Amino acid sequence: MSNSSTERFQSIGTALAIIISLAAMFISIYEASIMKSQQTSMVWPYLDLSQQYNSDGFAIEISNKGTGPAIITSVQVDYNGLPVESIDILMDSLNPNRTFGYDILKNSSLGNQVFMSGEKRIVFGLPYNDETRIVQNNLGKIRIRIGYKSVLEEHWYFDSEDGSHAKEKFEAIKEFKN
């Protein structure tokens, strides 16, 4: 073989090595992307609110229907379009003439909490009586927005007004404290 033939084979060999290396690099990047998607889906939180009714009373319940924990970052509760700061102010807004207190009110703290996958908590609940039926009749005037994140720092927020889940960070105008 002549030098020019040897150089040609070396050039072809070099080009093939570069092509194979580039293909391996793109395959590795693609596999890493797939692994990240799988990891994200394994720790995906999905908060949802529902109203519960039974013969004993009614409640608003929050649940994590996702595959991973939901870390609550912000909670805003509005009554008639205005943010309220606490469960006590909310109850006064729902029934200004109320005389019932914490002895019959069931509620859970939401702010800075972690909801595990499948976990449910009562935001607030009341037994039926004349005063609490007024509260029940005004539930449609409540809007609850909850900002939360996954353990991978992906942010979402839930809005009870339309049941939407936006993949963005939410910060309350006034934090709701139970």
N, C-alpha and C. Protein backbone atom coordinates (compact mmCIF):
# COMPACT_ATOMS: atom_id res chain seq x y z
N MET A 1 0.83 -1.18 0.00
CA MET A 1 0.00 0.00 0.00
C MET A 1 0.87 1.24 0.00
N SER A 2 0.37 2.19 -0.68
CA SER A 2 1.12 3.44 -0.74
C SER A 2 0.71 4.35 0.41
N ASN A 3 1.51 5.37 0.59
CA ASN A 3 1.24 6.34 1.66
C ASN A 3 -0.10 7.01 1.48
N SER A 4 -0.49 7.31 0.26
CA SER A 4 -1.77 7.98 0.02
C SER A 4 -2.94 7.06 0.37
N SER A 5 -2.82 5.76 0.13
CA SER A 5 -3.88 4.81 0.50
C SER A 5 -3.98 4.70 2.02
N THR A 6 -2.85 4.66 2.67
CA THR A 6 -2.82 4.56 4.13
C THR A 6 -3.42 5.82 4.74
N GLU A 7 -3.06 6.96 4.20
CA GLU A 7 -3.61 8.22 4.71
C GLU A 7 -5.12 8.29 4.49
N ARG A 8 -5.58 7.75 3.35
CA ARG A 8 -7.02 7.74 3.07
C ARG A 8 -7.76 6.87 4.08
N PHE A 9 -7.22 5.68 4.37
CA PHE A 9 -7.85 4.79 5.36
C PHE A 9 -7.84 5.42 6.74
N GLN A 10 -6.76 6.09 7.06
CA GLN A 10 -6.69 6.77 8.36
C GLN A 10 -7.71 7.91 8.43
N SER A 11 -7.88 8.64 7.36
CA SER A 11 -8.88 9.72 7.32
C SER A 11 -10.29 9.18 7.45
N ILE A 12 -10.55 8.09 6.73
CA ILE A 12 -11.87 7.45 6.83
C ILE A 12 -12.08 6.92 8.25
N GLY A 13 -11.06 6.30 8.80
CA GLY A 13 -11.16 5.77 10.17
C GLY A 13 -11.39 6.89 11.18
N THR A 14 -10.69 7.99 11.00
CA THR A 14 -10.87 9.14 11.88
C THR A 14 -12.28 9.70 11.76
N ALA A 15 -12.77 9.84 10.55
CA ALA A 15 -14.13 10.36 10.32
C ALA A 15 -15.17 9.43 10.94
N LEU A 16 -14.98 8.11 10.75
CA LEU A 16 -15.92 7.15 11.36
C LEU A 16 -15.88 7.24 12.89
N ALA A 17 -14.70 7.39 13.45
CA ALA A 17 -14.58 7.51 14.92
C ALA A 17 -15.30 8.76 15.41
N ILE A 18 -15.19 9.86 14.68
CA ILE A 18 -15.88 11.10 15.07
C ILE A 18 -17.39 10.91 14.96
N ILE A 19 -17.86 10.30 13.90
CA ILE A 19 -19.31 10.06 13.72
C ILE A 19 -19.84 9.17 14.84
N ILE A 20 -19.12 8.10 15.15
CA ILE A 20 -19.55 7.19 16.22
C ILE A 20 -19.54 7.91 17.57
N SER A 21 -18.54 8.73 17.81
CA SER A 21 -18.47 9.49 19.07
C SER A 21 -19.63 10.47 19.18
N LEU A 22 -19.94 11.18 18.09
CA LEU A 22 -21.06 12.11 18.10
C LEU A 22 -22.39 11.38 18.32
N ALA A 23 -22.56 10.23 17.67
CA ALA A 23 -23.78 9.45 17.85
C ALA A 23 -23.91 8.99 19.31
N ALA A 24 -22.82 8.54 19.89
CA ALA A 24 -22.83 8.11 21.30
C ALA A 24 -23.17 9.27 22.22
N MET A 25 -22.63 10.46 21.90
CA MET A 25 -22.92 11.64 22.72
C MET A 25 -24.41 11.99 22.65
N PHE A 26 -25.00 11.99 21.44
CA PHE A 26 -26.42 12.32 21.31
C PHE A 26 -27.30 11.27 21.98
N ILE A 27 -26.92 10.01 21.90
CA ILE A 27 -27.68 8.96 22.58
C ILE A 27 -27.61 9.17 24.09
N SER A 28 -26.47 9.51 24.61
CA SER A 28 -26.32 9.75 26.06
C SER A 28 -27.18 10.94 26.51
N ILE A 29 -27.17 12.00 25.71
CA ILE A 29 -28.00 13.18 26.05
C ILE A 29 -29.48 12.79 26.04
N TYR A 30 -29.91 12.02 25.05
CA TYR A 30 -31.30 11.58 24.95
C TYR A 30 -31.68 10.69 26.14
N GLU A 31 -30.80 9.76 26.51
CA GLU A 31 -31.06 8.89 27.66
C GLU A 31 -31.15 9.69 28.96
N ALA A 32 -30.29 10.69 29.10
CA ALA A 32 -30.34 11.54 30.30
C ALA A 32 -31.66 12.30 30.35
N SER A 33 -32.15 12.76 29.21
CA SER A 33 -33.43 13.45 29.15
C SER A 33 -34.57 12.52 29.56
N ILE A 34 -34.54 11.28 29.09
CA ILE A 34 -35.56 10.31 29.46
C ILE A 34 -35.50 10.03 30.97
N MET A 35 -34.30 9.88 31.51
CA MET A 35 -34.16 9.62 32.95
C MET A 35 -34.68 10.78 33.77
N LYS A 36 -34.43 12.01 33.32
CA LYS A 36 -34.95 13.18 34.05
C LYS A 36 -36.47 13.19 34.02
N SER A 37 -37.07 12.88 32.89
CA SER A 37 -38.53 12.82 32.78
C SER A 37 -39.10 11.76 33.72
N GLN A 38 -38.45 10.61 33.78
CA GLN A 38 -38.91 9.55 34.67
C GLN A 38 -38.80 9.99 36.13
N GLN A 39 -37.69 10.62 36.46
CA GLN A 39 -37.48 11.09 37.83
C GLN A 39 -38.54 12.13 38.20
N THR A 40 -38.81 13.06 37.30
CA THR A 40 -39.81 14.10 37.53
C THR A 40 -41.18 13.49 37.75
N SER A 41 -41.54 12.51 36.94
CA SER A 41 -42.87 11.90 37.07
C SER A 41 -43.00 11.08 38.36
N MET A 42 -41.88 10.62 38.90
CA MET A 42 -41.94 9.83 40.14
C MET A 42 -42.16 10.71 41.37
N VAL A 43 -41.89 11.99 41.27
CA VAL A 43 -42.05 12.89 42.43
C VAL A 43 -42.99 14.05 42.11
N TRP A 44 -43.93 13.82 41.21
CA TRP A 44 -44.87 14.85 40.75
C TRP A 44 -46.03 15.00 41.75
N PRO A 45 -46.18 16.18 42.39
CA PRO A 45 -47.33 16.40 43.27
C PRO A 45 -48.52 16.94 42.48
N TYR A 46 -49.72 16.72 43.00
CA TYR A 46 -50.92 17.24 42.34
C TYR A 46 -51.98 17.47 43.42
N LEU A 47 -52.08 18.71 43.90
CA LEU A 47 -53.03 19.04 44.95
C LEU A 47 -54.41 19.30 44.35
N ASP A 48 -55.42 18.90 45.09
CA ASP A 48 -56.79 19.12 44.66
C ASP A 48 -57.66 19.36 45.88
N LEU A 49 -58.70 20.19 45.72
CA LEU A 49 -59.66 20.46 46.79
C LEU A 49 -60.99 19.83 46.43
N SER A 50 -61.69 19.40 47.44
CA SER A 50 -63.04 18.88 47.21
C SER A 50 -63.90 19.21 48.42
N GLN A 51 -65.19 19.23 48.20
CA GLN A 51 -66.14 19.43 49.30
C GLN A 51 -66.71 18.08 49.67
N GLN A 52 -66.75 17.82 50.96
CA GLN A 52 -67.26 16.55 51.48
C GLN A 52 -68.54 16.81 52.27
N TYR A 53 -69.53 15.97 52.04
CA TYR A 53 -70.79 16.08 52.77
C TYR A 53 -71.18 14.70 53.26
N ASN A 54 -71.64 14.63 54.51
CA ASN A 54 -72.22 13.40 55.03
C ASN A 54 -73.28 13.79 56.06
N SER A 55 -73.84 12.82 56.73
CA SER A 55 -74.92 13.11 57.68
C SER A 55 -74.45 13.92 58.88
N ASP A 56 -73.16 13.89 59.16
CA ASP A 56 -72.62 14.62 60.31
C ASP A 56 -72.33 16.09 60.02
N GLY A 57 -71.98 16.41 58.76
CA GLY A 57 -71.64 17.79 58.44
C GLY A 57 -70.97 17.90 57.08
N PHE A 58 -70.17 18.94 56.92
CA PHE A 58 -69.52 19.20 55.64
C PHE A 58 -68.09 19.67 55.91
N ALA A 59 -67.27 19.54 54.86
CA ALA A 59 -65.87 19.94 54.99
C ALA A 59 -65.30 20.26 53.62
N ILE A 60 -64.28 21.08 53.63
CA ILE A 60 -63.44 21.28 52.45
C ILE A 60 -62.16 20.52 52.73
N GLU A 61 -61.80 19.64 51.79
CA GLU A 61 -60.67 18.75 51.98
C GLU A 61 -59.63 18.96 50.89
N ILE A 62 -58.37 18.90 51.28
CA ILE A 62 -57.27 18.98 50.32
C ILE A 62 -56.63 17.60 50.25
N SER A 63 -56.26 17.20 49.04
CA SER A 63 -55.59 15.92 48.88
C SER A 63 -54.49 16.02 47.84
N ASN A 64 -53.47 15.20 48.01
CA ASN A 64 -52.38 15.12 47.04
C ASN A 64 -52.60 13.87 46.21
N LYS A 65 -53.02 14.07 44.98
CA LYS A 65 -53.30 12.96 44.07
C LYS A 65 -52.11 12.63 43.17
N GLY A 66 -50.98 13.27 43.44
CA GLY A 66 -49.78 13.04 42.64
C GLY A 66 -48.99 11.85 43.12
N THR A 67 -47.81 11.67 42.52
CA THR A 67 -46.95 10.54 42.86
C THR A 67 -45.87 10.89 43.86
N GLY A 68 -45.72 12.19 44.16
CA GLY A 68 -44.69 12.61 45.10
C GLY A 68 -45.22 13.64 46.07
N PRO A 69 -44.41 14.01 47.06
CA PRO A 69 -44.85 14.98 48.06
C PRO A 69 -45.05 16.38 47.48
N ALA A 70 -46.04 17.09 48.04
CA ALA A 70 -46.30 18.49 47.68
C ALA A 70 -45.87 19.35 48.85
N ILE A 71 -44.96 20.26 48.60
CA ILE A 71 -44.46 21.16 49.63
C ILE A 71 -45.19 22.49 49.44
N ILE A 72 -46.05 22.83 50.42
CA ILE A 72 -46.86 24.04 50.32
C ILE A 72 -45.95 25.26 50.53
N THR A 73 -46.02 26.20 49.59
CA THR A 73 -45.18 27.39 49.69
C THR A 73 -45.99 28.65 49.98
N SER A 74 -47.29 28.65 49.61
CA SER A 74 -48.11 29.84 49.81
C SER A 74 -49.59 29.47 49.75
N VAL A 75 -50.40 30.09 50.61
CA VAL A 75 -51.84 29.84 50.62
C VAL A 75 -52.56 31.18 50.72
N GLN A 76 -53.53 31.36 49.84
CA GLN A 76 -54.37 32.56 49.89
C GLN A 76 -55.82 32.13 49.82
N VAL A 77 -56.61 32.61 50.78
CA VAL A 77 -58.05 32.36 50.79
C VAL A 77 -58.74 33.71 50.65
N ASP A 78 -59.62 33.80 49.65
CA ASP A 78 -60.38 35.02 49.42
C ASP A 78 -61.85 34.76 49.74
N TYR A 79 -62.49 35.77 50.32
CA TYR A 79 -63.93 35.74 50.51
C TYR A 79 -64.48 36.97 49.79
N ASN A 80 -65.39 36.74 48.87
CA ASN A 80 -65.95 37.82 48.04
C ASN A 80 -64.85 38.65 47.38
N GLY A 81 -63.79 37.99 46.94
CA GLY A 81 -62.73 38.67 46.21
C GLY A 81 -61.66 39.34 47.06
N LEU A 82 -61.80 39.29 48.38
CA LEU A 82 -60.82 39.92 49.27
C LEU A 82 -60.09 38.86 50.09
N PRO A 83 -58.77 38.96 50.19
CA PRO A 83 -58.02 37.96 50.97
C PRO A 83 -58.33 38.06 52.46
N VAL A 84 -58.47 36.90 53.08
CA VAL A 84 -58.64 36.84 54.54
C VAL A 84 -57.41 36.17 55.14
N GLU A 85 -57.07 36.57 56.35
CA GLU A 85 -55.81 36.14 56.96
C GLU A 85 -55.90 34.89 57.81
N SER A 86 -57.10 34.55 58.30
CA SER A 86 -57.17 33.44 59.25
C SER A 86 -58.51 32.71 59.15
N ILE A 87 -58.54 31.54 59.74
CA ILE A 87 -59.77 30.74 59.75
C ILE A 87 -60.85 31.46 60.54
N ASP A 88 -60.47 32.17 61.60
CA ASP A 88 -61.44 32.91 62.41
C ASP A 88 -62.11 34.02 61.60
N ILE A 89 -61.30 34.78 60.84
CA ILE A 89 -61.85 35.85 59.99
C ILE A 89 -62.72 35.24 58.89
N LEU A 90 -62.30 34.10 58.35
CA LEU A 90 -63.09 33.43 57.31
C LEU A 90 -64.44 33.01 57.86
N MET A 91 -64.46 32.41 59.03
CA MET A 91 -65.74 31.97 59.63
C MET A 91 -66.64 33.18 59.92
N ASP A 92 -66.06 34.28 60.41
CA ASP A 92 -66.84 35.50 60.64
C ASP A 92 -67.40 36.05 59.33
N SER A 93 -66.63 35.93 58.25
CA SER A 93 -67.09 36.40 56.94
C SER A 93 -68.23 35.52 56.41
N LEU A 94 -68.10 34.23 56.60
CA LEU A 94 -69.11 33.29 56.11
C LEU A 94 -70.41 33.38 56.90
N ASN A 95 -70.32 33.71 58.18
CA ASN A 95 -71.50 33.91 59.03
C ASN A 95 -71.17 34.97 60.07
N PRO A 96 -71.47 36.24 59.76
CA PRO A 96 -71.12 37.34 60.68
C PRO A 96 -71.79 37.23 62.05
N ASN A 97 -72.88 36.49 62.15
CA ASN A 97 -73.60 36.36 63.44
C ASN A 97 -73.27 35.07 64.16
N ARG A 98 -72.21 34.43 63.80
CA ARG A 98 -71.91 33.12 64.38
C ARG A 98 -71.59 33.21 65.87
N THR A 99 -71.95 32.16 66.56
CA THR A 99 -71.58 32.05 67.97
C THR A 99 -70.73 30.80 68.20
N PHE A 100 -70.64 29.93 67.19
CA PHE A 100 -69.84 28.71 67.37
C PHE A 100 -68.36 29.06 67.35
N GLY A 101 -67.59 28.22 68.00
CA GLY A 101 -66.15 28.45 68.10
C GLY A 101 -65.35 27.25 67.66
N TYR A 102 -64.14 27.19 68.16
CA TYR A 102 -63.23 26.12 67.78
C TYR A 102 -63.64 24.76 68.33
N ASP A 103 -64.59 24.75 69.26
CA ASP A 103 -65.01 23.47 69.83
C ASP A 103 -65.68 22.57 68.80
N ILE A 104 -66.30 23.15 67.76
CA ILE A 104 -66.94 22.32 66.73
C ILE A 104 -66.23 22.40 65.38
N LEU A 105 -65.28 23.33 65.25
CA LEU A 105 -64.59 23.53 63.98
C LEU A 105 -63.41 22.57 63.86
N LYS A 106 -63.39 21.82 62.76
CA LYS A 106 -62.24 20.96 62.45
C LYS A 106 -61.43 21.70 61.39
N ASN A 107 -60.14 21.84 61.61
CA ASN A 107 -59.32 22.47 60.58
C ASN A 107 -57.88 22.01 60.70
N SER A 108 -57.15 22.16 59.58
CA SER A 108 -55.74 21.78 59.51
C SER A 108 -54.94 22.96 59.01
N SER A 109 -53.73 23.05 59.48
CA SER A 109 -52.81 24.07 58.98
C SER A 109 -52.33 23.65 57.59
N LEU A 110 -52.22 24.63 56.69
CA LEU A 110 -51.76 24.34 55.33
C LEU A 110 -50.37 24.90 55.06
N GLY A 111 -50.12 26.13 55.52
CA GLY A 111 -48.87 26.81 55.20
C GLY A 111 -47.65 26.07 55.69
N ASN A 112 -46.63 26.03 54.83
CA ASN A 112 -45.35 25.38 55.14
C ASN A 112 -45.50 23.92 55.55
N GLN A 113 -46.45 23.25 54.96
CA GLN A 113 -46.68 21.84 55.24
C GLN A 113 -46.24 20.99 54.04
N VAL A 114 -45.99 19.71 54.30
CA VAL A 114 -45.68 18.76 53.25
C VAL A 114 -46.80 17.73 53.21
N PHE A 115 -47.41 17.59 52.04
CA PHE A 115 -48.47 16.61 51.84
C PHE A 115 -47.90 15.43 51.06
N MET A 116 -47.88 14.29 51.68
CA MET A 116 -47.36 13.10 51.02
C MET A 116 -48.35 12.63 49.96
N SER A 117 -47.88 11.87 49.02
CA SER A 117 -48.74 11.32 47.98
C SER A 117 -49.86 10.51 48.63
N GLY A 118 -51.10 10.79 48.22
CA GLY A 118 -52.26 10.08 48.77
C GLY A 118 -52.80 10.67 50.06
N GLU A 119 -52.12 11.65 50.63
CA GLU A 119 -52.56 12.24 51.90
C GLU A 119 -53.74 13.19 51.69
N LYS A 120 -54.67 13.17 52.65
CA LYS A 120 -55.83 14.06 52.66
C LYS A 120 -55.90 14.75 54.01
N ARG A 121 -56.32 16.02 53.97
CA ARG A 121 -56.52 16.77 55.21
C ARG A 121 -57.75 17.66 55.05
N ILE A 122 -58.41 17.88 56.14
CA ILE A 122 -59.55 18.79 56.13
C ILE A 122 -59.04 20.22 56.30
N VAL A 123 -59.35 21.09 55.33
CA VAL A 123 -59.00 22.51 55.46
C VAL A 123 -59.86 23.08 56.57
N PHE A 124 -61.17 22.87 56.47
CA PHE A 124 -62.07 23.13 57.59
C PHE A 124 -63.34 22.33 57.40
N GLY A 125 -63.94 21.99 58.53
CA GLY A 125 -65.18 21.23 58.50
C GLY A 125 -66.04 21.58 59.70
N LEU A 126 -67.35 21.48 59.50
CA LEU A 126 -68.31 21.82 60.56
C LEU A 126 -69.46 20.82 60.56
N PRO A 127 -70.00 20.55 61.75
CA PRO A 127 -71.21 19.74 61.80
C PRO A 127 -72.41 20.59 61.38
N TYR A 128 -73.50 19.93 61.00
CA TYR A 128 -74.69 20.68 60.61
C TYR A 128 -75.42 21.24 61.83
N ASN A 129 -75.74 22.52 61.76
CA ASN A 129 -76.69 23.17 62.66
C ASN A 129 -77.15 24.44 61.94
N ASP A 130 -78.03 25.19 62.54
CA ASP A 130 -78.56 26.38 61.85
C ASP A 130 -77.47 27.38 61.48
N GLU A 131 -76.50 27.58 62.36
CA GLU A 131 -75.43 28.54 62.09
C GLU A 131 -74.47 28.05 61.01
N THR A 132 -74.14 26.77 61.06
CA THR A 132 -73.17 26.26 60.09
C THR A 132 -73.79 26.08 58.71
N ARG A 133 -75.09 25.96 58.63
CA ARG A 133 -75.73 25.89 57.30
C ARG A 133 -75.59 27.24 56.57
N ILE A 134 -75.53 28.33 57.32
CA ILE A 134 -75.27 29.64 56.70
C ILE A 134 -73.86 29.64 56.10
N VAL A 135 -72.90 29.08 56.84
CA VAL A 135 -71.53 28.94 56.34
C VAL A 135 -71.54 28.11 55.07
N GLN A 136 -72.23 26.98 55.12
CA GLN A 136 -72.30 26.08 53.96
C GLN A 136 -72.88 26.79 52.74
N ASN A 137 -73.90 27.58 52.93
CA ASN A 137 -74.54 28.29 51.82
C ASN A 137 -73.62 29.34 51.20
N ASN A 138 -72.61 29.80 51.94
CA ASN A 138 -71.69 30.82 51.43
C ASN A 138 -70.36 30.26 50.92
N LEU A 139 -70.23 28.96 50.86
CA LEU A 139 -68.97 28.36 50.42
C LEU A 139 -68.59 28.78 49.00
N GLY A 140 -69.57 29.07 48.17
CA GLY A 140 -69.30 29.49 46.79
C GLY A 140 -68.60 30.84 46.70
N LYS A 141 -68.56 31.57 47.80
CA LYS A 141 -67.90 32.88 47.81
C LYS A 141 -66.42 32.79 48.20
N ILE A 142 -65.95 31.56 48.42
CA ILE A 142 -64.57 31.34 48.82
C ILE A 142 -63.74 30.94 47.60
N ARG A 143 -62.56 31.50 47.51
CA ARG A 143 -61.58 31.10 46.50
C ARG A 143 -60.30 30.76 47.23
N ILE A 144 -59.77 29.58 46.96
CA ILE A 144 -58.55 29.13 47.62
C ILE A 144 -57.47 28.92 46.55
N ARG A 145 -56.32 29.55 46.77
CA ARG A 145 -55.17 29.37 45.88
C ARG A 145 -54.01 28.84 46.71
N ILE A 146 -53.40 27.79 46.22
CA ILE A 146 -52.32 27.15 46.95
C ILE A 146 -51.11 27.00 46.03
N GLY A 147 -50.00 27.59 46.43
CA GLY A 147 -48.74 27.41 45.72
C GLY A 147 -48.00 26.25 46.36
N TYR A 148 -47.44 25.40 45.52
CA TYR A 148 -46.70 24.25 46.05
C TYR A 148 -45.59 23.86 45.07
N LYS A 149 -44.66 23.05 45.57
CA LYS A 149 -43.54 22.62 44.74
C LYS A 149 -43.23 21.16 45.01
N SER A 150 -42.49 20.58 44.07
CA SER A 150 -42.02 19.21 44.23
C SER A 150 -40.66 19.23 44.92
N VAL A 151 -40.15 18.06 45.24
CA VAL A 151 -38.82 17.97 45.84
C VAL A 151 -37.74 18.37 44.83
N LEU A 152 -38.10 18.44 43.54
CA LEU A 152 -37.16 18.88 42.51
C LEU A 152 -37.29 20.38 42.23
N GLU A 153 -38.01 21.09 43.10
CA GLU A 153 -38.18 22.55 43.02
C GLU A 153 -39.00 23.00 41.81
N GLU A 154 -39.86 22.15 41.28
CA GLU A 154 -40.79 22.57 40.24
C GLU A 154 -42.02 23.14 40.94
N HIS A 155 -42.49 24.30 40.50
CA HIS A 155 -43.57 25.01 41.16
C HIS A 155 -44.88 24.89 40.38
N TRP A 156 -46.00 24.80 41.14
CA TRP A 156 -47.35 24.82 40.60
C TRP A 156 -48.22 25.65 41.53
N TYR A 157 -49.40 25.99 41.03
CA TYR A 157 -50.40 26.48 41.96
C TYR A 157 -51.78 26.03 41.52
N PHE A 158 -52.57 25.74 42.55
CA PHE A 158 -53.96 25.31 42.36
C PHE A 158 -54.87 26.49 42.64
N ASP A 159 -55.90 26.65 41.82
CA ASP A 159 -56.89 27.71 42.00
C ASP A 159 -58.26 27.07 42.04
N SER A 160 -58.94 27.19 43.18
CA SER A 160 -60.25 26.56 43.34
C SER A 160 -61.34 27.22 42.49
N GLU A 161 -61.09 28.44 42.04
CA GLU A 161 -62.11 29.15 41.26
C GLU A 161 -62.47 28.39 39.99
N ASP A 162 -61.46 27.87 39.32
CA ASP A 162 -61.73 27.12 38.09
C ASP A 162 -61.12 25.73 38.11
N GLY A 163 -60.53 25.34 39.23
CA GLY A 163 -59.93 24.01 39.34
C GLY A 163 -58.63 23.87 38.57
N SER A 164 -58.03 24.99 38.18
CA SER A 164 -56.83 24.94 37.33
C SER A 164 -55.57 24.63 38.14
N HIS A 165 -54.62 24.06 37.44
CA HIS A 165 -53.30 23.78 37.99
C HIS A 165 -52.28 24.39 37.03
N ALA A 166 -51.70 25.51 37.41
CA ALA A 166 -50.71 26.17 36.56
C ALA A 166 -49.32 25.77 37.01
N LYS A 167 -48.44 25.57 36.04
CA LYS A 167 -47.06 25.23 36.38
C LYS A 167 -46.26 26.53 36.47
N GLU A 168 -46.47 27.21 37.58
CA GLU A 168 -45.76 28.46 37.86
C GLU A 168 -45.79 28.71 39.36
N LYS A 169 -44.94 29.58 39.80
CA LYS A 169 -44.85 29.91 41.22
C LYS A 169 -45.98 30.86 41.60
N PHE A 170 -46.55 30.67 42.78
CA PHE A 170 -47.63 31.53 43.29
C PHE A 170 -47.22 32.05 44.66
N GLU A 171 -47.42 33.35 44.86
CA GLU A 171 -47.19 33.96 46.17
C GLU A 171 -48.44 34.73 46.55
N ALA A 172 -48.98 34.43 47.71
CA ALA A 172 -50.20 35.06 48.20
C ALA A 172 -49.99 36.53 48.49
N ILE A 173 -51.05 37.30 48.27
CA ILE A 173 -51.04 38.71 48.66
C ILE A 173 -51.03 38.78 50.19
N LYS A 174 -51.90 37.96 50.81
CA LYS A 174 -51.92 37.78 52.27
C LYS A 174 -51.94 36.29 52.54
N GLU A 175 -50.96 35.84 53.31
CA GLU A 175 -50.91 34.41 53.66
C GLU A 175 -52.04 34.06 54.59
N PHE A 176 -52.70 32.95 54.31
CA PHE A 176 -53.78 32.45 55.15
C PHE A 176 -53.18 31.57 56.24
N LYS A 177 -53.53 31.88 57.46
CA LYS A 177 -53.05 31.10 58.62
C LYS A 177 -54.25 30.43 59.27
N ASN A 178 -54.16 29.13 59.43
CA ASN A 178 -55.26 28.40 60.09
C ASN A 178 -55.17 28.61 61.58
